[in-house]
PDB file of N, CA and C in Angstrom:
ATOM      1  N   MET A   1      59.015  -0.732 -97.082  1.00  0.00           N
ATOM      2  CA  MET A   1      60.304  -0.068 -95.753  1.00  0.00           C
ATOM      3  C   MET A   1      60.167  -0.720 -94.424  1.00  0.00           C
ATOM      4  N   GLU A   2      61.736  -1.015 -93.537  1.00  0.00           N
ATOM      5  CA  GLU A   2      61.357  -1.309 -92.275  1.00  0.00           C
ATOM      6  C   GLU A   2      61.502  -0.072 -91.578  1.00  0.00           C
ATOM      7  N   GLU A   3      60.648  -0.592 -90.285  1.00  0.00           N
ATOM      8  CA  GLU A   3      60.636   0.607 -89.430  1.00  0.00           C
ATOM      9  C   GLU A   3      62.156   1.149 -89.315  1.00  0.00           C
ATOM     10  N   GLY A   4      61.530   2.905 -89.183  1.00  0.00           N
ATOM     11  CA  GLY A   4      62.579   3.590 -89.014  1.00  0.00           C
ATOM     12  C   GLY A   4      63.916   3.790 -90.053  1.00  0.00           C
ATOM     13  N   LEU A   5      63.598   2.840 -91.283  1.00  0.00           N
ATOM     14  CA  LEU A   5      64.743   3.090 -92.712  1.00  0.00           C
ATOM     15  C   LEU A   5      63.879   4.066 -93.121  1.00  0.00           C
ATOM     16  N   GLU A   6      62.661   3.964 -93.146  1.00  0.00           N
ATOM     17  CA  GLU A   6      61.565   5.500 -94.031  1.00  0.00           C
ATOM     18  C   GLU A   6      62.161   6.751 -93.398  1.00  0.00           C
ATOM     19  N   ILE A   7      62.303   6.638 -91.754  1.00  0.00           N
ATOM     20  CA  ILE A   7      62.765   7.698 -91.515  1.00  0.00           C
ATOM     21  C   ILE A   7      64.000   8.307 -92.297  1.00  0.00           C
ATOM     22  N   ASP A   8      65.109   7.555 -92.124  1.00  0.00           N
ATOM     23  CA  ASP A   8      66.384   7.287 -92.223  1.00  0.00           C
ATOM     24  C   ASP A   8      66.536   7.926 -94.211  1.00  0.00           C
ATOM     25  N   TYR A   9      65.363   7.475 -94.581  1.00  0.00           N
ATOM     26  CA  TYR A   9      65.580   7.581 -95.665  1.00  0.00           C
ATOM     27  C   TYR A   9      65.336   9.241 -96.387  1.00  0.00           C
ATOM     28  N   LEU A  10      64.256   9.480 -94.992  1.00  0.00           N
ATOM     29  CA  LEU A  10      62.856  11.393 -95.477  1.00  0.00           C
ATOM     30  C   LEU A  10      64.139  11.942 -95.082  1.00  0.00           C
ATOM     31  N   ILE A  11      65.272  11.576 -93.977  1.00  0.00           N
ATOM     32  CA  ILE A  11      65.947  12.272 -92.911  1.00  0.00           C
ATOM     33  C   ILE A  11      67.570  12.272 -94.353  1.00  0.00           C
ATOM     34  N   ASP A  12      68.185  11.910 -94.771  1.00  0.00           N
ATOM     35  CA  ASP A  12      69.311  11.881 -96.146  1.00  0.00           C
ATOM     36  C   ASP A  12      68.858  12.553 -97.016  1.00  0.00           C
ATOM     37  N   LYS A  13      67.615  12.092 -96.989  1.00  0.00           N
ATOM     38  CA  LYS A  13      66.322  12.947 -98.937  1.00  0.00           C
ATOM     39  C   LYS A  13      66.541  14.631 -98.642  1.00  0.00           C
ATOM     40  N   TYR A  14      66.552  14.922 -97.675  1.00  0.00           N
ATOM     41  CA  TYR A  14      65.959  16.297 -96.856  1.00  0.00           C
ATOM     42  C   TYR A  14      68.088  17.291 -97.123  1.00  0.00           C
ATOM     43  N   THR A  15      68.116  17.594 -98.341  1.00  0.00           N
ATOM     44  CA  THR A  15      69.407  18.162 -98.738  1.00  0.00           C
ATOM     45  C   THR A  15      68.746  19.599 -99.400  1.00  0.00           C
ATOM     46  N   SER A  16      69.365  20.676 -99.414  1.00  0.00           N
ATOM     47  CA  SER A  16      69.695  21.731 -99.466  1.00  0.00           C
ATOM     48  C   SER A  16      70.597  21.963 -98.913  1.00  0.00           C
ATOM     49  N   GLU A  17      71.273  23.139 -99.756  1.00  0.00           N
ATOM     50  CA  GLU A  17      72.810  23.369 -99.970  1.00  0.00           C
ATOM     51  C   GLU A  17      72.491  24.440 -98.858  1.00  0.00           C
ATOM     52  N   GLY A  18      72.076  25.374 -98.236  1.00  0.00           N
ATOM     53  CA  GLY A  18      72.185  25.940 -96.632  1.00  0.00           C
ATOM     54  C   GLY A  18      71.949  25.237 -95.398  1.00  0.00           C
ATOM     55  N   VAL A  19      70.898  24.211 -95.634  1.00  0.00           N
ATOM     56  CA  VAL A  19      71.441  22.731 -94.433  1.00  0.00           C
ATOM     57  C   VAL A  19      72.050  22.715 -94.633  1.00  0.00           C
ATOM     58  N   GLU A  20      72.940  21.890 -95.827  1.00  0.00           N
ATOM     59  CA  GLU A  20      74.271  21.079 -95.737  1.00  0.00           C
ATOM     60  C   GLU A  20      75.487  22.000 -95.128  1.00  0.00           C
ATOM     61  N   ARG A  21      75.347  23.054 -95.297  1.00  0.00           N
ATOM     62  CA  ARG A  21      76.518  24.093 -94.416  1.00  0.00           C
ATOM     63  C   ARG A  21      75.865  23.905 -93.439  1.00  0.00           C
ATOM     64  N   ARG A  22      74.933  24.769 -92.877  1.00  0.00           N
ATOM     65  CA  ARG A  22      74.580  24.741 -90.824  1.00  0.00           C
ATOM     66  C   ARG A  22      74.915  23.655 -90.655  1.00  0.00           C
ATOM     67  N   ALA A  23      74.482  22.103 -91.811  1.00  0.00           N
ATOM     68  CA  ALA A  23      75.114  21.067 -90.856  1.00  0.00           C
ATOM     69  C   ALA A  23      76.616  20.963 -90.491  1.00  0.00           C
ATOM     70  N   ARG A  24      77.504  21.063 -91.471  1.00  0.00           N
ATOM     71  CA  ARG A  24      78.738  21.318 -91.483  1.00  0.00           C
ATOM     72  C   ARG A  24      79.941  21.748 -90.249  1.00  0.00           C
ATOM     73  N   SER A  25      78.437  23.157 -90.578  1.00  0.00           N
ATOM     74  CA  SER A  25      79.073  24.019 -89.527  1.00  0.00           C
ATOM     75  C   SER A  25      78.988  23.691 -88.256  1.00  0.00           C
ATOM     76  N   ILE A  26      77.789  22.960 -87.740  1.00  0.00           N
ATOM     77  CA  ILE A  26      77.751  22.353 -86.480  1.00  0.00           C
ATOM     78  C   ILE A  26      78.009  20.967 -85.910  1.00  0.00           C
ATOM     79  N   ALA A  27      78.183  20.433 -87.309  1.00  0.00           N
ATOM     80  CA  ALA A  27      79.344  19.611 -86.816  1.00  0.00           C
ATOM     81  C   ALA A  27      80.356  19.209 -85.989  1.00  0.00           C
ATOM     82  N   VAL A  28      81.140  19.913 -86.919  1.00  0.00           N
ATOM     83  CA  VAL A  28      82.494  20.424 -85.444  1.00  0.00           C
ATOM     84  C   VAL A  28      82.221  21.771 -85.344  1.00  0.00           C
ATOM     85  N   SER A  29      81.710  22.218 -84.607  1.00  0.00           N
ATOM     86  CA  SER A  29      81.418  23.431 -84.059  1.00  0.00           C
ATOM     87  C   SER A  29      82.331  23.017 -82.641  1.00  0.00           C
ATOM     88  N   GLY A  30      81.563  22.023 -82.050  1.00  0.00           N
ATOM     89  CA  GLY A  30      81.687  21.373 -80.417  1.00  0.00           C
ATOM     90  C   GLY A  30      81.036  21.998 -80.010  1.00  0.00           C
ATOM     91  N   ARG A  31      79.733  22.302 -80.450  1.00  0.00           N
ATOM     92  CA  ARG A  31      78.244  22.073 -79.740  1.00  0.00           C
ATOM     93  C   ARG A  31      77.697  20.717 -79.067  1.00  0.00           C
ATOM     94  N   LEU A  32      78.247  19.961 -80.040  1.00  0.00           N
ATOM     95  CA  LEU A  32      76.753  18.957 -79.295  1.00  0.00           C
ATOM     96  C   LEU A  32      77.428  17.900 -78.202  1.00  0.00           C
ATOM     97  N   VAL A  33      76.764  18.062 -77.260  1.00  0.00           N
ATOM     98  CA  VAL A  33      76.661  17.280 -76.387  1.00  0.00           C
ATOM     99  C   VAL A  33      75.719  16.276 -76.024  1.00  0.00           C
ATOM    100  N   VAL A  34      76.566  14.738 -76.282  1.00  0.00           N
ATOM    101  CA  VAL A  34      75.937  13.592 -75.717  1.00  0.00           C
ATOM    102  C   VAL A  34      75.897  13.181 -74.671  1.00  0.00           C
ATOM    103  N   ILE A  35      74.481  13.410 -73.410  1.00  0.00           N
ATOM    104  CA  ILE A  35      74.240  12.791 -72.758  1.00  0.00           C
ATOM    105  C   ILE A  35      74.139  11.683 -72.038  1.00  0.00           C
ATOM    106  N   HIS A  36      73.070  11.282 -72.980  1.00  0.00           N
ATOM    107  CA  HIS A  36      72.615   9.643 -72.804  1.00  0.00           C
ATOM    108  C   HIS A  36      72.928   8.561 -73.854  1.00  0.00           C
ATOM    109  N   THR A  37      73.509   7.524 -73.836  1.00  0.00           N
ATOM    110  CA  THR A  37      74.178   6.434 -75.063  1.00  0.00           C
ATOM    111  C   THR A  37      72.851   5.844 -75.994  1.00  0.00           C
ATOM    112  N   SER A  38      71.702   5.324 -74.949  1.00  0.00           N
ATOM    113  CA  SER A  38      70.988   4.323 -75.040  1.00  0.00           C
ATOM    114  C   SER A  38      69.963   4.668 -75.000  1.00  0.00           C
ATOM    115  N   PRO A  39      68.903   5.140 -75.743  1.00  0.00           N
ATOM    116  CA  PRO A  39      68.901   6.231 -76.873  1.00  0.00           C
ATOM    117  C   PRO A  39      69.641   6.806 -77.004  1.00  0.00           C
ATOM    118  N   GLU A  40      70.671   7.231 -77.971  1.00  0.00           N
ATOM    119  CA  GLU A  40      71.522   8.463 -78.225  1.00  0.00           C
ATOM    120  C   GLU A  40      71.054   9.496 -78.060  1.00  0.00           C
ATOM    121  N   ILE A  41      71.368  10.929 -76.630  1.00  0.00           N
ATOM    122  CA  ILE A  41      70.791  11.478 -76.888  1.00  0.00           C
ATOM    123  C   ILE A  41      71.579  12.871 -76.927  1.00  0.00           C
ATOM    124  N   LEU A  42      71.474  13.809 -77.131  1.00  0.00           N
ATOM    125  CA  LEU A  42      72.562  14.602 -77.524  1.00  0.00           C
ATOM    126  C   LEU A  42      71.435  16.585 -77.601  1.00  0.00           C
ATOM    127  N   VAL A  43      72.197  17.637 -77.003  1.00  0.00           N
ATOM    128  CA  VAL A  43      71.678  18.467 -76.339  1.00  0.00           C
ATOM    129  C   VAL A  43      72.845  19.209 -77.775  1.00  0.00           C
ATOM    130  N   TYR A  44      72.353  20.153 -78.435  1.00  0.00           N
ATOM    131  CA  TYR A  44      73.012  21.426 -78.731  1.00  0.00           C
ATOM    132  C   TYR A  44      73.068  22.263 -78.195  1.00  0.00           C
ATOM    133  N   LEU A  45      74.097  23.240 -77.907  1.00  0.00           N
ATOM    134  CA  LEU A  45      74.404  24.319 -77.229  1.00  0.00           C
ATOM    135  C   LEU A  45      74.177  25.480 -77.719  1.00  0.00           C
ATOM    136  N   GLY A  46      73.409  25.707 -78.244  1.00  0.00           N
ATOM    137  CA  GLY A  46      72.580  27.041 -79.429  1.00  0.00           C
ATOM    138  C   GLY A  46      73.583  28.074 -78.949  1.00  0.00           C
ATOM    139  N   GLU A  47      73.947  29.133 -79.916  1.00  0.00           N
ATOM    140  CA  GLU A  47      73.743  31.151 -79.411  1.00  0.00           C
ATOM    141  C   GLU A  47      73.082  31.609 -78.353  1.00  0.00           C
ATOM    142  N   ARG A  48      71.144  30.792 -79.099  1.00  0.00           N
ATOM    143  CA  ARG A  48      70.733  31.456 -79.093  1.00  0.00           C
ATOM    144  C   ARG A  48      69.827  30.737 -77.717  1.00  0.00           C
ATOM    145  N   GLU A  49      69.562  29.731 -78.234  1.00  0.00           N
ATOM    146  CA  GLU A  49      69.086  28.288 -77.774  1.00  0.00           C
ATOM    147  C   GLU A  49      69.027  26.466 -79.073  1.00  0.00           C
ATOM    148  N   ASP A  50      68.814  25.969 -77.296  1.00  0.00           N
ATOM    149  CA  ASP A  50      69.791  24.716 -77.194  1.00  0.00           C
ATOM    150  C   ASP A  50      68.180  23.766 -77.096  1.00  0.00           C
ATOM    151  N   TYR A  51      68.303  22.647 -78.110  1.00  0.00           N
ATOM    152  CA  TYR A  51      67.929  21.675 -78.758  1.00  0.00           C
ATOM    153  C   TYR A  51      68.586  19.833 -77.940  1.00  0.00           C
ATOM    154  N   ILE A  52      67.641  19.424 -77.806  1.00  0.00           N
ATOM    155  CA  ILE A  52      67.511  17.668 -77.951  1.00  0.00           C
ATOM    156  C   ILE A  52      67.619  17.196 -79.120  1.00  0.00           C
ATOM    157  N   ILE A  53      68.264  16.093 -79.463  1.00  0.00           N
ATOM    158  CA  ILE A  53      68.301  15.454 -80.315  1.00  0.00           C
ATOM    159  C   ILE A  53      68.385  14.059 -79.829  1.00  0.00           C
ATOM    160  N   VAL A  54      67.615  13.064 -80.484  1.00  0.00           N
ATOM    161  CA  VAL A  54      67.114  11.580 -80.603  1.00  0.00           C
ATOM    162  C   VAL A  54      67.459  10.474 -81.179  1.00  0.00           C
ATOM    163  N   ASP A  55      68.630   9.970 -81.032  1.00  0.00           N
ATOM    164  CA  ASP A  55      68.703   9.127 -81.286  1.00  0.00           C
ATOM    165  C   ASP A  55      68.834   9.361 -83.427  1.00  0.00           C
ATOM    166  N   ARG A  56      69.772  10.600 -83.149  1.00  0.00           N
ATOM    167  CA  ARG A  56      70.241  11.429 -85.001  1.00  0.00           C
ATOM    168  C   ARG A  56      68.859  10.961 -85.710  1.00  0.00           C
ATOM    169  N   ARG A  57      67.521  11.140 -85.385  1.00  0.00           N
ATOM    170  CA  ARG A  57      66.549  10.902 -86.276  1.00  0.00           C
ATOM    171  C   ARG A  57      65.241  12.389 -85.718  1.00  0.00           C
ATOM    172  N   TYR A  58      65.403  12.431 -84.321  1.00  0.00           N
ATOM    173  CA  TYR A  58      64.654  14.331 -83.761  1.00  0.00           C
ATOM    174  C   TYR A  58      65.489  15.152 -83.503  1.00  0.00           C
ATOM    175  N   CYS A  59      64.871  16.258 -83.506  1.00  0.00           N
ATOM    176  CA  CYS A  59      65.118  17.605 -82.717  1.00  0.00           C
ATOM    177  C   CYS A  59      63.917  17.874 -81.855  1.00  0.00           C
ATOM    178  N   SER A  60      64.581  19.060 -81.325  1.00  0.00           N
ATOM    179  CA  SER A  60      63.110  19.797 -80.644  1.00  0.00           C
ATOM    180  C   SER A  60      63.763  20.943 -81.215  1.00  0.00           C
ATOM    181  N   CYS A  61      63.674  21.013 -82.244  1.00  0.00           N
ATOM    182  CA  CYS A  61      63.764  22.320 -82.935  1.00  0.00           C
ATOM    183  C   CYS A  61      62.660  22.902 -83.657  1.00  0.00           C
ATOM    184  N   GLN A  62      62.100  23.971 -84.048  1.00  0.00           N
ATOM    185  CA  GLN A  62      60.916  24.482 -84.721  1.00  0.00           C
ATOM    186  C   GLN A  62      60.942  24.318 -86.483  1.00  0.00           C
ATOM    187  N   GLY A  63      62.264  24.040 -86.786  1.00  0.00           N
ATOM    188  CA  GLY A  63      62.482  23.682 -88.581  1.00  0.00           C
ATOM    189  C   GLY A  63      62.187  22.088 -88.598  1.00  0.00           C
ATOM    190  N   PHE A  64      62.720  21.680 -87.369  1.00  0.00           N
ATOM    191  CA  PHE A  64      61.975  19.996 -87.766  1.00  0.00           C
ATOM    192  C   PHE A  64      60.754  19.250 -87.842  1.00  0.00           C
ATOM    193  N   ALA A  65      60.118  20.414 -86.687  1.00  0.00           N
ATOM    194  CA  ALA A  65      58.573  20.415 -86.302  1.00  0.00           C
ATOM    195  C   ALA A  65      58.077  20.449 -87.792  1.00  0.00           C
ATOM    196  N   MET A  66      58.250  21.421 -88.660  1.00  0.00           N
ATOM    197  CA  MET A  66      57.762  22.414 -89.714  1.00  0.00           C
ATOM    198  C   MET A  66      58.132  20.938 -90.729  1.00  0.00           C
ATOM    199  N   ARG A  67      59.260  20.407 -90.948  1.00  0.00           N
ATOM    200  CA  ARG A  67      59.192  19.398 -92.238  1.00  0.00           C
ATOM    201  C   ARG A  67      58.197  18.162 -91.371  1.00  0.00           C
ATOM    202  N   LEU A  68      57.214  18.002 -90.816  1.00  0.00           N
ATOM    203  CA  LEU A  68      57.448  17.136 -90.328  1.00  0.00           C
ATOM    204  C   LEU A  68      55.830  16.989 -91.198  1.00  0.00           C
ATOM    205  N   SER A  69      55.759  17.822 -90.994  1.00  0.00           N
ATOM    206  CA  SER A  69      54.175  18.432 -92.003  1.00  0.00           C
ATOM    207  C   SER A  69      54.363  18.086 -93.368  1.00  0.00           C
ATOM    208  N   LYS A  70      56.043  18.221 -94.768  1.00  0.00           N
ATOM    209  CA  LYS A  70      55.867  18.330 -95.906  1.00  0.00           C
ATOM    210  C   LYS A  70      57.204  17.320 -95.897  1.00  0.00           C
ATOM    211  N   PRO A  71      56.319  16.052 -94.816  1.00  0.00           N
ATOM    212  CA  PRO A  71      57.453  14.679 -96.136  1.00  0.00           C
ATOM    213  C   PRO A  71      58.193  14.691 -97.321  1.00  0.00           C
ATOM    214  N   GLU A  72      57.603  14.872 -98.397  1.00  0.00           N
ATOM    215  CA  GLU A  72      57.583  14.952-100.002  1.00  0.00           C
ATOM    216  C   GLU A  72      59.053  15.328 -99.952  1.00  0.00           C
ATOM    217  N   GLU A  73      59.321  17.210 -99.284  1.00  0.00           N
ATOM    218  CA  GLU A  73      60.402  17.477 -99.318  1.00  0.00           C
ATOM    219  C   GLU A  73      61.965  17.002 -97.950  1.00  0.00           C
ATOM    220  N   GLY A  74      61.437  16.153 -97.654  1.00  0.00           N
ATOM    221  CA  GLY A  74      62.213  15.255 -96.984  1.00  0.00           C
ATOM    222  C   GLY A  74      62.287  15.774 -95.026  1.00  0.00           C
ATOM    223  N   VAL A  75      63.019  15.093 -94.442  1.00  0.00           N
ATOM    224  CA  VAL A  75      62.378  15.348 -93.005  1.00  0.00           C
ATOM    225  C   VAL A  75      63.383  15.371 -92.392  1.00  0.00           C
ATOM    226  N   GLY A  76      63.370  16.828 -91.221  1.00  0.00           N
ATOM    227  CA  GLY A  76      64.811  16.667 -90.288  1.00  0.00           C
ATOM    228  C   GLY A  76      65.077  18.027 -90.368  1.00  0.00           C
ATOM    229  N   CYS A  77      66.454  18.854 -89.872  1.00  0.00           N
ATOM    230  CA  CYS A  77      67.125  19.733 -89.907  1.00  0.00           C
ATOM    231  C   CYS A  77      68.928  20.123 -89.922  1.00  0.00           C
ATOM    232  N   SER A  78      69.010  21.016 -90.050  1.00  0.00           N
ATOM    233  CA  SER A  78      70.918  20.737 -90.467  1.00  0.00           C
ATOM    234  C   SER A  78      71.001  20.276 -88.640  1.00  0.00           C
ATOM    235  N   HIS A  79      70.616  20.713 -87.278  1.00  0.00           N
ATOM    236  CA  HIS A  79      70.889  20.005 -86.071  1.00  0.00           C
ATOM    237  C   HIS A  79      70.781  18.042 -86.514  1.00  0.00           C
ATOM    238  N   VAL A  80      70.520  17.342 -86.918  1.00  0.00           N
ATOM    239  CA  VAL A  80      69.893  16.206 -87.195  1.00  0.00           C
ATOM    240  C   VAL A  80      71.105  15.844 -88.183  1.00  0.00           C
ATOM    241  N   LYS A  81      70.946  16.966 -89.131  1.00  0.00           N
ATOM    242  CA  LYS A  81      71.674  15.970 -90.533  1.00  0.00           C
ATOM    243  C   LYS A  81      73.316  16.391 -89.243  1.00  0.00           C
ATOM    244  N   ALA A  82      73.855  17.139 -88.795  1.00  0.00           N
ATOM    245  CA  ALA A  82      74.958  17.447 -88.484  1.00  0.00           C
ATOM    246  C   ALA A  82      75.555  16.293 -87.002  1.00  0.00           C
ATOM    247  N   ALA A  83      74.322  15.633 -86.646  1.00  0.00           N
ATOM    248  CA  ALA A  83      75.031  14.715 -85.762  1.00  0.00           C
ATOM    249  C   ALA A  83      74.782  12.891 -86.268  1.00  0.00           C
ATOM    250  N   ARG A  84      74.590  13.167 -87.817  1.00  0.00           N
ATOM    251  CA  ARG A  84      74.182  11.713 -88.462  1.00  0.00           C
ATOM    252  C   ARG A  84      75.568  12.422 -88.886  1.00  0.00           C
ATOM    253  N   MET A  85      76.961  13.391 -89.583  1.00  0.00           N
ATOM    254  CA  MET A  85      77.785  13.015 -89.978  1.00  0.00           C
ATOM    255  C   MET A  85      79.233  12.204 -89.399  1.00  0.00           C
ATOM    256  N   PRO A  86      79.812  11.568 -89.766  1.00  0.00           N
ATOM    257  CA  PRO A  86      80.869  11.284 -90.210  1.00  0.00           C
ATOM    258  C   PRO A  86      81.821  11.948 -88.607  1.00  0.00           C
ATOM    259  N   GLU A  87      82.101  13.150 -89.705  1.00  0.00           N
ATOM    260  CA  GLU A  87      83.311  13.953 -88.712  1.00  0.00           C
ATOM    261  C   GLU A  87      83.160  15.094 -87.751  1.00  0.00           C
ATOM    262  N   ARG A  88      81.383  14.492 -87.019  1.00  0.00           N
ATOM    263  CA  ARG A  88      80.886  15.568 -86.182  1.00  0.00           C
ATOM    264  C   ARG A  88      81.919  14.992 -84.653  1.00  0.00           C
ATOM    265  N   ARG A  89      82.204  16.683 -84.652  1.00  0.00           N
ATOM    266  CA  ARG A  89      82.999  16.160 -82.651  1.00  0.00           C
ATOM    267  C   ARG A  89      81.839  16.944 -81.315  1.00  0.00           C
ATOM    268  N   VAL A  90      82.199  15.804 -80.918  1.00  0.00           N
ATOM    269  CA  VAL A  90      81.006  15.605 -79.700  1.00  0.00           C
ATOM    270  C   VAL A  90      81.309  15.964 -78.549  1.00  0.00           C
ATOM    271  N   ARG A  91      80.907  16.072 -77.596  1.00  0.00           N
ATOM    272  CA  ARG A  91      81.547  15.723 -76.527  1.00  0.00           C
ATOM    273  C   ARG A  91      80.542  15.079 -76.026  1.00  0.00           C
ATOM    274  N   ILE A  92      80.676  13.594 -74.991  1.00  0.00           N
ATOM    275  CA  ILE A  92      80.512  12.713 -74.133  1.00  0.00           C
ATOM    276  C   ILE A  92      80.838  13.058 -72.726  1.00  0.00           C
ATOM    277  N   LEU A  93      79.122  13.506 -71.881  1.00  0.00           N
ATOM    278  CA  LEU A  93      79.174  13.682 -70.161  1.00  0.00           C
ATOM    279  C   LEU A  93      78.893  12.961 -69.424  1.00  0.00           C
ATOM    280  N   GLU A  94      79.145  12.653 -68.679  1.00  0.00           N
ATOM    281  CA  GLU A  94      78.757  11.224 -67.628  1.00  0.00           C
ATOM    282  C   GLU A  94      77.438  12.612 -67.079  1.00  0.00           C
ATOM    283  N   LEU A  95      76.559  11.811 -66.526  1.00  0.00           N
ATOM    284  CA  LEU A  95      75.206  12.960 -65.253  1.00  0.00           C
ATOM    285  C   LEU A  95      74.755  12.047 -64.704  1.00  0.00           C
ATOM    286  N   GLY A  96      74.482  12.361 -63.765  1.00  0.00           N
ATOM    287  CA  GLY A  96      74.279  11.894 -62.572  1.00  0.00           C
ATOM    288  C   GLY A  96      72.774  11.588 -62.141  1.00  0.00           C
ATOM    289  N   PRO A  97      71.972  11.109 -61.403  1.00  0.00           N
ATOM    290  CA  PRO A  97      70.928  10.732 -61.391  1.00  0.00           C
ATOM    291  C   PRO A  97      69.955  11.498 -61.782  1.00  0.00           C
ATOM    292  N   GLY A  98      69.080  11.893 -62.455  1.00  0.00           N
ATOM    293  CA  GLY A  98      67.934  12.844 -63.112  1.00  0.00           C
ATOM    294  C   GLY A  98      68.321  13.936 -63.495  1.00  0.00           C
ATOM    295  N   GLU A  99      69.381  13.752 -63.583  1.00  0.00           N
ATOM    296  CA  GLU A  99      70.414  14.760 -64.627  1.00  0.00           C
ATOM    297  C   GLU A  99      69.909  14.980 -66.427  1.00  0.00           C
ATOM    298  N   VAL A 100      69.604  13.413 -66.822  1.00  0.00           N
ATOM    299  CA  VAL A 100      69.222  13.771 -68.084  1.00  0.00           C
ATOM    300  C   VAL A 100      67.744  14.015 -68.175  1.00  0.00           C
ATOM    301  N   GLU A 101      67.148  14.068 -66.927  1.00  0.00           N
ATOM    302  CA  GLU A 101      66.040  14.405 -67.456  1.00  0.00           C
ATOM    303  C   GLU A 101      65.723  15.740 -66.932  1.00  0.00           C
ATOM    304  N   LEU A 102      66.601  16.841 -66.225  1.00  0.00           N
ATOM    305  CA  LEU A 102      66.901  17.549 -65.682  1.00  0.00           C
ATOM    306  C   LEU A 102      67.030  18.580 -66.612  1.00  0.00           C
ATOM    307  N   VAL A 103      67.914  18.140 -68.211  1.00  0.00           N
ATOM    308  CA  VAL A 103      68.594  19.170 -68.560  1.00  0.00           C
ATOM    309  C   VAL A 103      67.576  18.992 -69.704  1.00  0.00           C
ATOM    310  N   THR A 104      67.308  17.633 -70.384  1.00  0.00           N
ATOM    311  CA  THR A 104      65.880  17.343 -71.792  1.00  0.00           C
ATOM    312  C   THR A 104      64.715  18.384 -70.895  1.00  0.00           C
ATOM    313  N   TRP A 105      64.079  18.359 -70.167  1.00  0.00           N
ATOM    314  CA  TRP A 105      63.467  19.125 -69.189  1.00  0.00           C
ATOM    315  C   TRP A 105      63.550  21.003 -69.947  1.00  0.00           C
ATOM    316  N   GLU A 106      64.908  20.932 -69.611  1.00  0.00           N
ATOM    317  CA  GLU A 106      64.995  22.697 -69.235  1.00  0.00           C
ATOM    318  C   GLU A 106      65.034  23.100 -70.718  1.00  0.00           C
ATOM    319  N   VAL A 107      65.661  22.228 -71.650  1.00  0.00           N
ATOM    320  CA  VAL A 107      65.514  22.171 -72.706  1.00  0.00           C
ATOM    321  C   VAL A 107      64.301  22.303 -73.534  1.00  0.00           C
ATOM    322  N   LEU A 108      63.351  21.971 -73.409  1.00  0.00           N
ATOM    323  CA  LEU A 108      62.224  20.727 -74.018  1.00  0.00           C
ATOM    324  C   LEU A 108      60.999  22.464 -73.627  1.00  0.00           C
ATOM    325  N   THR A 109      61.518  23.253 -72.363  1.00  0.00           N
ATOM    326  CA  THR A 109      59.989  23.517 -71.699  1.00  0.00           C
ATOM    327  C   THR A 109      61.063  25.377 -72.077  1.00  0.00           C
ATOM    328  N   GLY A 110      61.980  25.167 -71.877  1.00  0.00           N
ATOM    329  CA  GLY A 110      62.679  27.158 -72.124  1.00  0.00           C
ATOM    330  C   GLY A 110      63.846  26.718 -73.022  1.00  0.00           C
ATOM    331  N   GLY A 111      63.977  26.298 -73.414  1.00  0.00           N
ATOM    332  CA  GLY A 111      64.677  26.452 -74.573  1.00  0.00           C
ATOM    333  C   GLY A 111      66.133  26.358 -74.372  1.00  0.00           C
ATOM    334  N   PHE A 112      66.874  25.972 -73.230  1.00  0.00           N
ATOM    335  CA  PHE A 112      68.292  26.452 -72.600  1.00  0.00           C
ATOM    336  C   PHE A 112      68.164  25.922 -71.546  1.00  0.00           C
ATOM    337  N   THR A 113      69.435  24.843 -71.230  1.00  0.00           N
ATOM    338  CA  THR A 113      69.998  24.443 -70.252  1.00  0.00           C
ATOM    339  C   THR A 113      70.969  25.120 -69.122  1.00  0.00           C
ATOM    340  N   SER A 114      70.733  25.592 -67.912  1.00  0.00           N
ATOM    341  CA  SER A 114      71.996  26.119 -67.514  1.00  0.00           C
ATOM    342  C   SER A 114      72.754  25.447 -66.576  1.00  0.00           C
ATOM    343  N   THR A 115      72.060  24.147 -66.638  1.00  0.00           N
ATOM    344  CA  THR A 115      72.569  22.381 -65.317  1.00  0.00           C
ATOM    345  C   THR A 115      73.190  22.354 -66.798  1.00  0.00           C
ATOM    346  N   LEU A 116      73.119  22.096 -67.700  1.00  0.00           N
ATOM    347  CA  LEU A 116      74.226  20.989 -68.477  1.00  0.00           C
ATOM    348  C   LEU A 116      75.722  22.336 -68.979  1.00  0.00           C
ATOM    349  N   ARG A 117      75.294  22.928 -69.344  1.00  0.00           N
ATOM    350  CA  ARG A 117      76.383  24.717 -68.607  1.00  0.00           C
ATOM    351  C   ARG A 117      76.766  24.639 -67.889  1.00  0.00           C
ATOM    352  N   ARG A 118      76.746  24.701 -66.622  1.00  0.00           N
ATOM    353  CA  ARG A 118      76.939  24.715 -65.448  1.00  0.00           C
ATOM    354  C   ARG A 118      78.268  23.969 -65.713  1.00  0.00           C
ATOM    355  N   LYS A 119      77.856  21.981 -65.694  1.00  0.00           N
ATOM    356  CA  LYS A 119      78.724  21.460 -65.589  1.00  0.00           C
ATOM    357  C   LYS A 119      80.139  21.118 -66.743  1.00  0.00           C
ATOM    358  N   ILE A 120      79.909  21.821 -67.922  1.00  0.00           N
ATOM    359  CA  ILE A 120      80.769  21.976 -68.997  1.00  0.00           C
ATOM    360  C   ILE A 120      81.481  23.299 -68.732  1.00  0.00           C
ATOM    361  N   TYR A 121      80.927  24.325 -68.237  1.00  0.00           N
ATOM    362  CA  TYR A 121      81.982  25.157 -68.187  1.00  0.00           C
ATOM    363  C   TYR A 121      81.772  25.950 -66.937  1.00  0.00           C
ATOM    364  N   GLY A 122      81.471  25.189 -65.713  1.00  0.00           N
ATOM    365  CA  GLY A 122      82.233  25.248 -64.324  1.00  0.00           C
ATOM    366  C   GLY A 122      81.284  26.258 -64.422  1.00  0.00           C
ATOM    367  N   LYS A 123      81.331  27.275 -63.088  1.00  0.00           N
ATOM    368  CA  LYS A 123      80.374  28.448 -62.544  1.00  0.00           C
ATOM    369  C   LYS A 123      81.185  29.820 -62.594  1.00  0.00           C
ATOM    370  N   ARG A 124      80.546  30.109 -63.240  1.00  0.00           N
ATOM    371  CA  ARG A 124      80.754  31.510 -63.855  1.00  0.00           C
ATOM    372  C   ARG A 124      80.165  33.145 -62.929  1.00  0.00           C
ATOM    373  N   GLY A 125      80.861  34.037 -62.188  1.00  0.00           N
ATOM    374  CA  GLY A 125      80.336  34.570 -61.551  1.00  0.00           C
ATOM    375  C   GLY A 125      80.756  35.730 -60.901  1.00  0.00           C
TER     376      GLY A 125
END
């Protein structure tokens, strides 16, 4: 199998009713934001935690990491599956110099990006 196709197969193979249902809900929620196009980097703005999704193959959520150790069960998570769905609703946001790195850093180190939320929703106060 070609490099990259194997991971695609394993992600597509990962199907359970709960994951599919959550993925469909996420796909149409409007909570997926494209912050970079090549490679595609999305942020899922969750209610409790945000996640980084890279090229529709990797997610920073704990569920994705846990399933990496069990490839026979399929690899992926509801966030990656949602990012792969054709009916997904995404926002595309152009970020300034250094902002992609800042947003990614905030999500990976704190689980939440106040920078991206301010850009989308404006200042609250």
